Protein backbone atom coordinates (compact mmCIF):
# COMPACT_ATOMS: atom_id res chain seq x y z
CA MET A 1 -23.66 -129.04 -79.81
CA ASN A 2 -25.48 -126.87 -82.35
CA LEU A 3 -26.21 -123.50 -80.73
CA SER A 4 -29.86 -123.46 -81.81
CA LEU A 5 -30.45 -126.96 -80.36
CA TYR A 6 -28.61 -125.89 -77.21
CA ARG A 7 -30.95 -122.92 -76.84
CA ILE A 8 -34.07 -125.09 -77.26
CA LEU A 9 -32.93 -127.63 -74.65
CA THR A 10 -31.80 -125.06 -72.11
CA GLY A 11 -35.00 -123.09 -72.68
CA LEU A 12 -37.00 -126.17 -71.67
CA ILE A 13 -34.82 -126.58 -68.58
CA LEU A 14 -35.35 -122.94 -67.61
CA ALA A 15 -39.11 -123.19 -68.14
CA ALA A 16 -39.29 -126.19 -65.81
CA CYS A 17 -37.26 -124.36 -63.17
CA THR A 18 -39.40 -121.23 -63.49
CA ILE A 19 -42.64 -123.18 -63.05
CA SER A 20 -41.23 -124.80 -59.93
CA PHE A 21 -40.08 -121.47 -58.55
CA SER A 22 -43.39 -119.68 -59.16
CA ALA A 23 -45.09 -122.03 -56.75
CA GLN A 24 -42.80 -121.04 -53.89
CA GLU A 25 -43.79 -118.62 -51.18
CA LYS A 26 -42.07 -115.29 -50.60
CA GLN A 27 -38.56 -115.58 -49.28
CA TYR A 28 -38.79 -112.57 -46.97
CA ASN A 29 -41.14 -110.67 -44.67
CA PHE A 30 -41.39 -107.16 -43.19
CA ASN A 31 -41.97 -105.72 -39.75
CA GLN A 32 -45.13 -103.66 -39.17
CA ASP A 33 -43.96 -100.33 -40.64
CA LYS A 34 -41.90 -102.02 -43.38
CA SER A 35 -38.72 -100.41 -42.12
CA GLN A 36 -36.95 -103.80 -41.97
CA LEU A 37 -36.85 -106.67 -44.43
CA SER A 38 -36.02 -110.06 -42.92
CA LEU A 39 -34.79 -112.78 -45.25
CA ILE A 40 -36.19 -116.26 -44.70
CA VAL A 41 -32.97 -118.25 -45.05
CA GLU A 42 -33.33 -121.87 -46.02
CA LYS A 43 -31.93 -124.27 -43.45
CA GLU A 44 -29.32 -125.94 -45.63
CA ASN A 45 -25.84 -127.14 -44.87
CA THR A 46 -23.89 -124.44 -46.68
CA LYS A 47 -20.56 -125.86 -45.55
CA MET A 48 -21.25 -129.16 -47.33
CA LEU A 49 -22.19 -127.24 -50.46
CA VAL A 50 -18.96 -125.28 -50.25
CA VAL A 51 -16.76 -128.33 -49.73
CA ASN A 52 -18.07 -129.58 -53.07
CA THR A 53 -17.59 -126.17 -54.63
CA VAL A 54 -14.01 -125.24 -53.80
CA ASN A 55 -12.57 -127.79 -56.23
CA THR A 56 -14.74 -126.82 -59.20
CA LYS A 57 -11.84 -125.30 -61.13
CA GLY A 58 -10.21 -128.71 -61.33
CA ARG A 59 -13.37 -130.05 -62.96
CA GLY A 60 -13.95 -127.16 -65.35
CA LEU A 61 -16.98 -125.68 -63.58
CA PRO A 62 -17.73 -122.07 -62.65
CA LEU A 63 -17.35 -121.03 -59.01
CA ARG A 64 -20.63 -121.30 -57.12
CA GLU A 65 -20.76 -118.02 -55.21
CA ALA A 66 -24.12 -117.51 -53.53
CA LYS A 67 -27.67 -118.72 -52.99
CA LEU A 68 -30.09 -116.35 -54.72
CA TYR A 69 -33.21 -115.05 -53.03
CA THR A 70 -35.72 -113.28 -55.28
CA LEU A 71 -37.14 -110.06 -53.80
CA GLY A 72 -38.79 -107.91 -56.49
CA ILE A 73 -39.34 -104.89 -54.21
CA GLU A 74 -39.98 -101.29 -55.22
CA ALA A 75 -38.35 -98.88 -52.76
CA ASP A 76 -41.36 -96.54 -52.92
CA THR A 77 -43.48 -99.20 -51.21
CA VAL A 78 -41.16 -100.02 -48.29
CA GLY A 79 -38.82 -98.28 -45.88
CA VAL A 80 -39.45 -95.12 -43.88
CA TRP A 81 -39.15 -91.49 -45.03
CA SER A 82 -38.24 -88.64 -42.69
CA VAL A 83 -37.06 -85.01 -42.88
CA LEU A 84 -33.93 -83.80 -41.06
CA PRO A 85 -33.77 -80.36 -39.36
CA THR A 86 -31.52 -79.34 -42.28
CA LYS A 87 -34.50 -80.03 -44.62
CA GLU A 88 -32.82 -83.07 -46.18
CA ASN A 89 -35.12 -85.95 -47.06
CA VAL A 90 -34.08 -89.36 -45.76
CA TRP A 91 -35.30 -92.84 -46.71
CA LYS A 92 -34.13 -95.85 -44.74
CA LEU A 93 -34.57 -99.61 -45.10
CA SER A 94 -32.85 -102.24 -42.93
CA PHE A 95 -31.97 -105.77 -44.06
CA ASN A 96 -31.98 -108.56 -41.50
CA ILE A 97 -30.00 -111.41 -43.11
CA PRO A 98 -29.64 -114.19 -40.50
CA ASP A 99 -26.05 -115.35 -39.89
CA ALA A 100 -24.79 -113.74 -43.11
CA LYS A 101 -21.02 -113.40 -43.49
CA GLY A 102 -21.29 -111.96 -46.99
CA PHE A 103 -23.96 -111.00 -49.52
CA PHE A 104 -24.82 -108.69 -52.39
CA ILE A 105 -28.01 -106.84 -53.37
CA GLY A 106 -29.10 -106.74 -57.01
CA PHE A 107 -31.24 -104.01 -58.58
CA ASP A 108 -33.32 -103.99 -61.76
CA GLN A 109 -33.37 -100.20 -61.47
CA PHE A 110 -30.80 -98.11 -59.62
CA TYR A 111 -30.95 -94.37 -60.25
CA LEU A 112 -29.74 -91.73 -57.80
CA PRO A 113 -30.50 -88.09 -58.76
CA GLU A 114 -27.59 -85.67 -58.85
CA GLY A 115 -26.87 -84.23 -55.42
CA SER A 116 -28.20 -87.27 -53.55
CA CYS A 117 -26.33 -90.09 -51.79
CA LEU A 118 -27.12 -93.66 -50.80
CA TYR A 119 -25.28 -94.84 -47.68
CA VAL A 120 -24.94 -98.60 -47.17
CA TYR A 121 -23.60 -99.71 -43.80
CA GLU A 122 -23.70 -102.30 -41.06
CA LYS A 123 -26.26 -101.23 -38.49
CA SER A 124 -23.73 -101.48 -35.68
CA ASN A 125 -21.01 -99.60 -37.56
CA LEU A 126 -22.01 -96.41 -39.35
CA LYS A 127 -18.33 -95.66 -40.03
CA SER A 128 -18.28 -98.61 -42.44
CA ALA A 129 -20.69 -96.88 -44.82
CA ILE A 130 -20.22 -97.25 -48.57
CA VAL A 131 -21.42 -94.12 -50.36
CA TYR A 132 -23.09 -94.33 -53.78
CA LYS A 133 -23.82 -91.28 -55.92
CA HIS A 134 -25.33 -90.36 -59.26
CA ASP A 135 -22.08 -91.05 -61.15
CA ASP A 136 -21.96 -94.67 -60.01
CA ASN A 137 -24.81 -95.53 -62.41
CA PRO A 138 -25.65 -92.26 -64.20
CA LYS A 139 -28.09 -93.72 -66.73
CA GLY A 140 -30.00 -95.78 -64.21
CA GLY A 141 -30.93 -99.36 -65.00
CA PRO A 142 -29.52 -102.51 -63.36
CA TYR A 143 -26.82 -102.39 -60.71
CA SER A 144 -25.38 -104.46 -57.86
CA ILE A 145 -24.13 -103.45 -54.42
CA GLU A 146 -21.22 -105.78 -53.67
CA ASN A 147 -19.12 -106.94 -50.72
CA LEU A 148 -21.72 -106.51 -48.00
CA LYS A 149 -21.09 -108.24 -44.69
CA GLY A 150 -22.86 -108.66 -41.38
CA ASP A 151 -26.42 -109.80 -40.82
CA ASN A 152 -28.04 -106.38 -40.37
CA VAL A 153 -27.32 -103.84 -43.08
CA VAL A 154 -29.01 -100.49 -43.72
CA LEU A 155 -29.71 -98.63 -46.96
CA GLU A 156 -30.07 -94.92 -46.21
CA TYR A 157 -30.86 -92.44 -48.97
CA VAL A 158 -30.22 -88.74 -48.29
CA ALA A 159 -31.13 -85.87 -50.64
CA PRO A 160 -31.48 -82.08 -50.37
CA GLU A 161 -34.94 -80.57 -50.38
CA GLY A 162 -36.47 -80.41 -53.85
CA VAL A 163 -34.44 -83.24 -55.38
CA GLU A 164 -36.53 -85.89 -57.15
CA LYS A 165 -36.97 -89.30 -55.56
CA PRO A 166 -34.56 -92.09 -56.48
CA LYS A 167 -35.58 -95.05 -58.60
CA LEU A 168 -34.66 -98.20 -56.70
CA HIS A 169 -36.13 -101.59 -57.56
CA ILE A 170 -34.49 -104.41 -55.61
CA SER A 171 -34.47 -107.59 -57.68
CA ASP A 172 -32.64 -110.16 -55.57
CA LEU A 173 -30.12 -110.89 -52.86
CA GLY A 174 -27.16 -113.28 -53.05
CA TYR A 175 -26.36 -115.02 -49.74
CA LYS A 176 -22.73 -116.12 -50.02
CA TYR A 177 -21.58 -119.61 -49.21
CA LEU A 178 -18.81 -120.09 -46.65
CA ASP A 179 -15.54 -121.97 -46.76
CA GLU A 180 -14.41 -124.44 -44.13
CA GLN A 181 -13.03 -121.60 -42.00
CA GLY A 182 -16.41 -119.86 -41.98
CA ASN A 183 -15.41 -117.07 -44.41
CA PRO A 184 -17.32 -116.14 -47.57
CA ILE A 185 -16.02 -118.34 -50.36
CA SER A 186 -15.73 -115.40 -52.74
CA GLY A 187 -15.22 -111.66 -52.76
CA PHE A 188 -12.81 -108.88 -51.95
CA ASN A 189 -9.60 -109.76 -50.10
CA SER A 190 -10.20 -113.50 -49.99
CA ALA A 191 -7.92 -115.24 -47.47
CA ALA A 192 -7.44 -118.14 -49.91
CA ASN A 193 -5.64 -115.83 -52.36
CA SER A 194 -2.57 -115.30 -50.19
CA CYS A 195 -0.14 -116.17 -53.00
CA MET A 196 -1.81 -113.93 -55.59
CA ILE A 197 -0.30 -110.78 -57.11
CA ASN A 198 -2.53 -107.71 -57.32
CA VAL A 199 -2.66 -106.50 -60.90
CA ASN A 200 -1.23 -103.10 -59.96
CA CYS A 201 1.89 -104.53 -58.33
CA PRO A 202 5.23 -103.97 -60.10
CA GLU A 203 4.95 -107.39 -61.79
CA ASN A 204 2.29 -105.78 -64.00
CA ASN A 205 4.76 -103.31 -65.49
CA PHE A 206 4.49 -104.97 -68.94
CA TRP A 207 0.71 -105.59 -68.91
CA LYS A 208 -0.92 -102.22 -68.20
CA ASN A 209 -3.03 -102.26 -71.36
CA GLN A 210 -4.11 -105.89 -71.14
CA LYS A 211 -5.45 -105.63 -67.60
CA LYS A 212 -7.93 -102.91 -68.64
CA GLY A 213 -9.81 -105.44 -70.78
CA VAL A 214 -10.22 -108.15 -68.13
CA VAL A 215 -13.58 -108.44 -66.35
CA HIS A 216 -15.09 -110.36 -63.49
CA PHE A 217 -18.65 -111.55 -64.15
CA ARG A 218 -21.58 -113.27 -62.51
CA VAL A 219 -24.14 -115.59 -64.06
CA LYS A 220 -27.46 -116.56 -62.50
CA ARG A 221 -28.71 -119.93 -63.69
CA ASN A 222 -32.36 -119.21 -62.87
CA PRO A 223 -34.42 -117.30 -60.26
CA GLY A 224 -34.02 -118.60 -56.72
CA ALA A 225 -31.08 -120.85 -57.62
CA ASN A 226 -27.38 -120.00 -57.42
CA ALA A 227 -24.98 -117.35 -58.68
CA TYR A 228 -21.66 -118.34 -60.28
CA LEU A 229 -18.45 -116.42 -61.02
CA CYS A 230 -15.98 -116.41 -63.93
CA SER A 231 -13.39 -114.17 -65.60
CA GLY A 232 -13.18 -112.94 -69.18
CA THR A 233 -11.86 -110.18 -71.41
CA LEU A 234 -12.93 -107.67 -74.01
CA VAL A 235 -11.51 -108.75 -77.36
CA ASN A 236 -10.74 -106.75 -80.50
CA ASN A 237 -12.03 -107.58 -84.00
CA THR A 238 -10.54 -106.76 -87.39
CA SER A 239 -13.03 -103.92 -87.97
CA GLU A 240 -11.66 -102.32 -84.77
CA ASP A 241 -15.07 -100.79 -84.17
CA LYS A 242 -15.21 -101.34 -80.39
CA THR A 243 -17.92 -103.99 -80.61
CA PRO A 244 -18.16 -105.14 -76.97
CA TYR A 245 -17.24 -108.81 -77.46
CA ILE A 246 -16.31 -110.74 -74.31
CA LEU A 247 -14.12 -113.83 -74.64
CA THR A 248 -14.37 -116.41 -71.85
CA ALA A 249 -15.04 -120.12 -71.23
CA TYR A 250 -18.04 -122.12 -72.41
CA HIS A 251 -18.38 -123.93 -69.10
CA CYS A 252 -19.33 -120.65 -67.41
CA PHE A 253 -22.65 -120.86 -69.29
CA GLU A 254 -23.15 -124.63 -69.51
CA TYR A 255 -26.81 -125.70 -69.20
CA MET A 256 -27.97 -122.08 -69.30
CA SER A 257 -30.64 -120.74 -71.67
CA GLU A 258 -30.08 -117.70 -73.85
CA THR A 259 -32.48 -115.82 -71.56
CA ALA A 260 -30.44 -116.70 -68.47
CA ILE A 261 -27.17 -115.73 -70.18
CA SER A 262 -28.71 -112.38 -71.12
CA GLY A 263 -28.84 -111.53 -67.40
CA SER A 264 -25.09 -111.90 -66.86
CA GLU A 265 -23.46 -109.11 -64.82
CA PHE A 266 -20.02 -107.67 -65.63
CA PHE A 267 -17.65 -105.76 -63.36
CA PHE A 268 -15.00 -103.57 -65.00
CA GLU A 269 -12.03 -101.97 -63.20
CA TYR A 270 -12.63 -104.23 -60.20
CA GLU A 271 -9.16 -103.79 -58.72
CA THR A 272 -7.21 -102.02 -56.01
CA PRO A 273 -5.33 -98.92 -57.23
CA GLU A 274 -2.12 -99.87 -55.42
CA CYS A 275 -0.13 -103.06 -54.99
CA GLU A 276 -0.91 -103.55 -51.31
CA MET A 277 -4.32 -104.85 -50.34
CA ASP A 278 -6.25 -102.69 -47.90
CA THR A 279 -9.67 -102.80 -46.30
CA VAL A 280 -11.27 -100.23 -48.60
CA ARG A 281 -13.77 -101.89 -50.90
CA PRO A 282 -12.84 -101.50 -54.57
CA ASN A 283 -14.85 -99.33 -56.93
CA TYR A 284 -16.12 -100.79 -60.17
CA LYS A 285 -18.11 -100.08 -63.32
CA TYR A 286 -21.12 -102.30 -63.86
CA HIS A 287 -22.93 -103.66 -66.90
CA LYS A 288 -25.78 -106.16 -67.08
CA GLY A 289 -26.83 -107.96 -70.22
CA ALA A 290 -25.20 -110.11 -72.90
CA ILE A 291 -25.99 -112.02 -76.08
CA PRO A 292 -24.38 -115.46 -76.61
CA LEU A 293 -22.72 -115.83 -80.01
CA VAL A 294 -20.38 -118.84 -79.84
CA LEU A 295 -20.42 -121.58 -77.21
CA ASN A 296 -17.69 -124.11 -78.06
CA PRO A 297 -18.20 -127.16 -75.80
CA VAL A 298 -15.78 -128.35 -73.15
CA ASP A 299 -16.44 -132.09 -73.67
CA ASP A 300 -15.29 -132.38 -77.29
CA GLY A 301 -14.03 -128.86 -78.01
CA SER A 302 -11.88 -126.07 -76.62
CA ASP A 303 -14.29 -124.65 -74.03
CA GLY A 304 -14.46 -121.21 -75.63
CA ALA A 305 -17.30 -118.70 -75.42
CA LEU A 306 -17.81 -115.44 -77.27
CA ILE A 307 -20.63 -113.20 -76.10
CA LYS A 308 -21.53 -109.59 -76.84
CA LEU A 309 -22.58 -107.06 -74.23
CA SER A 310 -26.13 -105.87 -74.73
CA GLU A 311 -25.04 -102.23 -75.12
CA PRO A 312 -21.88 -100.41 -76.25
CA ILE A 313 -19.37 -99.55 -73.55
CA PRO A 314 -19.60 -95.86 -72.53
CA ASP A 315 -16.99 -93.65 -74.18
CA ASP A 316 -15.54 -92.50 -70.85
CA TRP A 317 -14.70 -96.03 -69.64
CA ASP A 318 -10.94 -96.61 -69.84
CA VAL A 319 -11.03 -100.13 -71.29
CA TYR A 320 -8.87 -102.12 -73.70
CA TYR A 321 -10.03 -104.52 -76.40
CA ASN A 322 -7.33 -107.18 -76.18
CA GLY A 323 -5.54 -108.43 -79.26
CA TRP A 324 -5.08 -112.09 -80.17
CA ASP A 325 -2.83 -114.62 -81.89
CA ARG A 326 -4.68 -117.47 -83.58
CA THR A 327 -1.63 -119.47 -84.63
CA ASN A 328 -1.05 -122.91 -83.13
CA ASP A 329 2.60 -122.45 -82.26
CA GLY A 330 3.29 -123.04 -78.58
CA ALA A 331 7.03 -123.40 -79.17
CA SER A 332 7.30 -119.74 -80.20
CA VAL A 333 5.85 -118.62 -76.86
CA THR A 334 8.58 -117.76 -74.35
CA GLY A 335 6.31 -116.69 -71.50
CA GLY A 336 3.48 -114.37 -70.64
CA ALA A 337 0.74 -113.68 -68.14
CA VAL A 338 -2.74 -114.57 -67.00
CA ILE A 339 -4.98 -111.79 -65.65
CA HIS A 340 -7.99 -112.98 -63.69
CA HIS A 341 -10.36 -112.69 -60.72
CA PRO A 342 -9.72 -115.70 -58.44
CA LEU A 343 -12.62 -116.41 -56.09
CA GLY A 344 -14.28 -113.21 -57.32
CA ASP A 345 -11.48 -111.16 -55.76
CA VAL A 346 -9.95 -108.00 -57.20
CA LYS A 347 -7.91 -108.40 -60.38
CA LYS A 348 -4.73 -110.50 -60.10
CA ILE A 349 -1.86 -111.42 -62.41
CA SER A 350 0.06 -114.71 -62.69
CA LEU A 351 3.25 -115.11 -64.74
CA TYR A 352 4.81 -117.99 -66.70
CA ASN A 353 8.12 -118.26 -68.58
CA LYS A 354 8.05 -121.49 -70.60
CA PRO A 355 6.82 -122.53 -74.06
CA LEU A 356 3.25 -123.85 -74.20
CA THR A 357 2.59 -127.60 -74.31
CA SER A 358 -0.28 -128.86 -76.45
CA GLY A 359 -2.88 -131.22 -74.96
CA LYS A 360 -6.58 -131.70 -74.30
CA TRP A 361 -8.98 -131.37 -71.39
CA GLU A 362 -11.27 -134.38 -71.96
CA ASP A 363 -10.17 -137.86 -73.03
CA GLU A 364 -12.78 -137.95 -75.80
CA ALA A 365 -11.76 -134.54 -77.18
CA PRO A 366 -9.53 -134.34 -80.25
CA ASN A 367 -5.83 -133.79 -79.65
CA GLY A 368 -4.59 -130.23 -79.42
CA THR A 369 -7.60 -128.36 -78.04
CA HIS A 370 -5.74 -126.92 -75.04
CA TRP A 371 -2.49 -125.35 -73.88
CA ILE A 372 -0.97 -126.78 -70.70
CA ILE A 373 1.10 -124.49 -68.45
CA ASP A 374 2.49 -124.01 -64.98
CA TYR A 375 3.34 -120.68 -63.41
CA LEU A 376 6.50 -118.86 -62.48
CA LYS A 377 4.68 -116.70 -59.96
CA GLY A 378 1.08 -116.50 -58.76
CA ALA A 379 -1.72 -119.03 -59.22
CA THR A 380 -5.40 -119.37 -60.24
CA GLU A 381 -8.52 -120.42 -58.34
CA GLY A 382 -12.21 -120.99 -58.90
CA GLY A 383 -13.58 -117.81 -60.46
CA SER A 384 -10.51 -117.54 -62.70
CA SER A 385 -12.28 -119.68 -65.32
CA GLY A 386 -12.37 -118.02 -68.72
CA ALA A 387 -9.40 -115.75 -67.97
CA PRO A 388 -7.22 -114.84 -70.96
CA LEU A 389 -3.78 -116.39 -71.42
CA PHE A 390 -1.39 -113.83 -72.94
CA ASN A 391 1.86 -114.61 -74.74
CA GLN A 392 5.03 -112.52 -74.40
CA ASP A 393 3.73 -110.00 -76.96
CA GLY A 394 0.50 -109.36 -75.05
CA TYR A 395 -1.77 -111.33 -77.39
CA ILE A 396 -4.48 -113.73 -76.21
CA VAL A 397 -3.65 -117.36 -77.04
CA GLY A 398 -6.14 -119.17 -74.78
CA THR A 399 -8.85 -119.09 -72.11
CA LEU A 400 -8.76 -120.94 -68.78
CA THR A 401 -10.74 -124.17 -68.53
CA GLY A 402 -9.34 -125.42 -65.22
CA GLY A 403 -6.62 -127.49 -63.60
CA ASP A 404 -4.93 -128.40 -60.34
CA ASN A 405 -3.14 -125.10 -59.74
CA LYS A 406 -4.05 -122.97 -56.72
CA CYS A 407 -2.31 -121.25 -53.82
CA SER A 408 -2.24 -124.50 -51.84
CA ASN A 409 -0.80 -126.32 -54.89
CA PRO A 410 1.32 -123.73 -56.75
CA THR A 411 3.13 -126.35 -58.85
CA GLY A 412 -0.10 -127.70 -60.31
CA THR A 413 -0.82 -127.36 -64.02
CA ASP A 414 -3.65 -125.49 -65.74
CA TYR A 415 -5.38 -126.04 -69.09
CA TYR A 416 -6.33 -123.24 -71.46
CA GLY A 417 -8.63 -123.72 -74.44
CA LYS A 418 -6.63 -122.66 -77.50
CA PHE A 419 -7.72 -119.49 -79.24
CA TRP A 420 -6.57 -121.27 -82.42
CA TYR A 421 -9.26 -123.91 -81.85
CA HIS A 422 -11.92 -121.37 -80.83
CA TRP A 423 -11.29 -119.60 -84.13
CA ASP A 424 -12.38 -122.17 -86.73
CA GLN A 425 -11.42 -125.73 -85.74
CA TYR A 426 -14.68 -127.08 -84.27
CA PRO A 427 -16.57 -129.29 -86.80
CA ASP A 428 -19.73 -127.14 -86.50
CA GLU A 429 -19.04 -123.90 -88.39
CA ASP A 430 -21.69 -122.13 -86.31
CA LEU A 431 -19.23 -122.39 -83.41
CA HIS A 432 -16.37 -120.59 -85.13
CA MET A 433 -15.39 -117.24 -83.63
CA SER A 434 -13.76 -116.18 -86.90
CA LYS A 435 -16.98 -114.80 -88.41
CA TYR A 436 -17.30 -112.29 -85.55
CA LEU A 437 -13.66 -111.43 -84.88
CA ASP A 438 -12.70 -111.22 -88.56
CA PRO A 439 -15.95 -109.99 -90.15
CA ASN A 440 -14.13 -108.75 -93.27
CA ASN A 441 -12.33 -112.06 -93.88
CA THR A 442 -8.92 -110.42 -93.81
CA GLY A 443 -7.25 -113.69 -92.89
CA VAL A 444 -4.89 -112.05 -90.40
CA THR A 445 -3.40 -114.40 -87.83
CA ARG A 446 -2.53 -111.73 -85.25
CA LEU A 447 -4.36 -108.57 -84.26
CA LYS A 448 -3.13 -105.90 -81.88
CA GLY A 449 -5.31 -104.60 -79.07
CA LEU A 450 -7.34 -101.39 -79.16
CA ASN A 451 -7.38 -98.73 -76.45
CA ALA A 452 -10.73 -97.02 -75.92
CA VAL A 453 -8.94 -93.82 -74.91
CA LYS A 454 -5.78 -92.16 -76.21
CA THR A 455 -3.50 -92.86 -73.21
CA GLU A 456 -1.90 -95.94 -74.73
CA GLU A 457 0.78 -97.91 -72.92
CA PRO A 458 3.49 -99.75 -74.91
CA GLU A 459 2.77 -103.41 -75.63
CA PRO A 460 4.88 -106.13 -73.94
CA GLY A 461 6.33 -107.20 -77.28
CA THR A 462 7.65 -103.70 -77.98
CA GLN A 463 9.26 -103.21 -74.57
CA PRO A 464 12.83 -104.20 -73.71
CA GLU A 465 13.44 -107.30 -71.62
CA LEU A 466 14.86 -105.11 -68.87
CA VAL A 467 13.57 -101.75 -67.59
CA ALA A 468 15.40 -99.82 -64.85
CA TYR A 469 15.22 -96.30 -63.48
CA ILE A 470 15.90 -94.37 -60.26
CA GLU A 471 13.03 -92.58 -58.56
CA SER A 472 12.79 -91.28 -54.98
CA ASP A 473 16.17 -92.80 -54.02
CA VAL A 474 15.12 -96.27 -55.22
CA LEU A 475 16.47 -98.12 -58.26
CA HIS A 476 13.47 -99.95 -59.77
CA VAL A 477 14.35 -103.01 -61.85
CA TYR A 478 11.75 -104.84 -64.00
CA ALA A 479 12.40 -107.93 -66.12
CA LYS A 480 10.17 -110.16 -68.24
CA ASP A 481 11.41 -113.24 -66.36
CA ILE A 482 12.94 -114.11 -62.98
CA LEU A 483 16.09 -112.19 -62.06
CA LYS A 484 18.94 -114.59 -61.19
CA LYS A 485 21.83 -112.19 -60.56
CA VAL A 486 21.94 -108.42 -60.22
CA ARG A 487 25.06 -106.26 -60.06
CA VAL A 488 25.54 -102.49 -60.07
CA ALA A 489 28.93 -100.93 -60.79
CA ASP A 490 30.14 -97.36 -61.13
CA LEU A 491 32.03 -96.13 -64.19
CA PHE A 492 35.34 -97.25 -62.64
CA GLY A 493 34.06 -100.85 -62.45
CA ARG A 494 33.66 -100.87 -58.67
CA ILE A 495 30.74 -103.06 -57.52
CA ILE A 496 28.23 -100.91 -55.61
CA TYR A 497 25.53 -103.57 -55.21
CA SER A 498 25.36 -107.32 -55.79
CA ALA A 499 22.65 -109.96 -55.36
CA THR A 500 23.25 -113.51 -56.58
CA SER A 501 20.57 -115.63 -54.91
CA ASP A 502 17.08 -115.67 -53.39
CA ILE A 503 15.73 -112.89 -55.62
CA ASN A 504 12.92 -115.13 -56.91
CA SER A 505 11.14 -112.24 -58.60
CA SER A 506 11.00 -110.37 -61.88
CA VAL A 507 11.08 -107.05 -59.99
CA LEU A 508 13.62 -105.64 -57.56
CA ASP A 509 13.88 -102.35 -55.67
CA ILE A 510 17.36 -101.27 -54.55
CA PRO A 511 17.78 -98.33 -52.10
CA VAL A 512 20.26 -95.80 -53.50
CA SER A 513 20.10 -92.92 -51.02
CA SER A 514 23.77 -93.47 -50.05
CA TRP A 515 25.01 -93.48 -53.64
CA ARG A 516 26.70 -90.46 -55.11
CA GLY A 517 25.18 -88.73 -58.11
CA GLY A 518 26.36 -90.02 -61.47
CA VAL A 519 26.05 -92.86 -64.00
CA TYR A 520 25.92 -96.52 -62.95
CA ILE A 521 25.93 -99.78 -64.94
CA LEU A 522 23.23 -102.29 -64.00
CA SER A 523 23.90 -105.87 -65.16
CA VAL A 524 21.42 -108.72 -64.67
CA ASP A 525 21.16 -112.40 -65.48
CA ILE A 526 17.56 -113.31 -66.37
CA THR A 527 16.14 -116.83 -66.41
CA GLY A 528 16.10 -118.17 -69.97
CA ARG A 529 17.72 -115.03 -71.41
CA SER A 530 21.21 -113.62 -71.86
CA THR A 531 22.89 -111.14 -69.53
CA LYS A 532 21.56 -107.61 -69.98
CA SER A 533 23.19 -104.32 -69.01
CA VAL A 534 21.76 -100.80 -68.92
CA LYS A 535 22.95 -97.41 -67.71
CA VAL A 536 21.07 -95.62 -64.95
CA LEU A 537 21.51 -92.05 -63.81
CA LYS A 538 21.23 -90.84 -60.23
């Protein structure tokens, strides 16, 4: 569809929705002193809605996350102010959200003066408080408080005497849908992601640059409707000027107007710092606002979308503009990774180790719009849509449309819109990404990624197939594919360690505290590759 026609049609849709919404009554009320806001929750069968939602990835639809309730409240006009004996000024507002298991609070303006704090906690559990400070959103503007749970949550602002008042304008609240077990369908530490690999687990040893470009984002179709989740990535262009282009899937924005897309919210660094999941909510960097540039349809195209953030990324954000490979050569791919946010959870990585098969998503689409893959380890879910598919050299070759793969069906296949097709294959030249990602018409077919800061990690394509070293009495072994056999011998040829089955991983940790100091020979058989040997020193 021509982008200008798309914008006209979706603009008419949005206008109709807005007119309908404006006639609705307020979706909340206050107690007498306005110290508590109570949401008027619509009596709808959320479980039925969720049952229809959990399979959206298989149909190429974004994950429906939450019902939106418009608030439009200025903090100065609600809540209660008080002064502590220590002369600190305190403002407090409670939220009564009936039967909520999960929700988020959106702000049009969120500015905390230096020296102040905003505590957000369940009323019955002060120890659960999340603490926000000036540095969380130093320039003010839009923001979102994520991963809230419980049906009675308190916002409590505390500032020393003489500090200016905060600027807090609450725009909306997202009431999360539940799965069949009664848990929020999306968010941190989702139970449905049991097979997923956190992006900072050892399996990410080869992908430390790439993961810094991947984002989790939310779109809001129109006021008072629903919020949806997808994944995407920053992408480099041949000018290498750090233009904040985001590459993702078209279907994340289907039927949305340009105005609605402009309100998209992006979460950077939404990950746990360690491999193991814990109960501490992840930190994140937040941006709101985007401009749609290319929307390549899913029905008769490759389901690619290129948008640009409304403002440059701050210089102190440690991000990576991922590189790409626009050739159409799946046979040359030997494996790679997918980095994504399944069910809106923290960043995960899934690995594959086979050449890419060419296919298509829709029957009426031309042949060769998509790559078809299955995974060696990990999976994808709703919310992973738009995630980048990397080849063995760390270059983007596709973006996730959907498929049958998930933790409950790990052998299912997924379909990725080809970056080759996104580039310049769609009949409508207005929907070619080439004019943005190669503005100087260099004609290059591959472009390396760009680190926003100087601490650059080596790219997967420049790293050896096997990395091994001893640290803290543990021999760490990393391979690009599954380890089949592992043997360690001393310089006299005596076998010190041997594993020949049930490794089923590309990483292995071997305790070495009982080994004597000296040089050892590590030999491994790797799936699809020849035997490799390296020396390690204890």
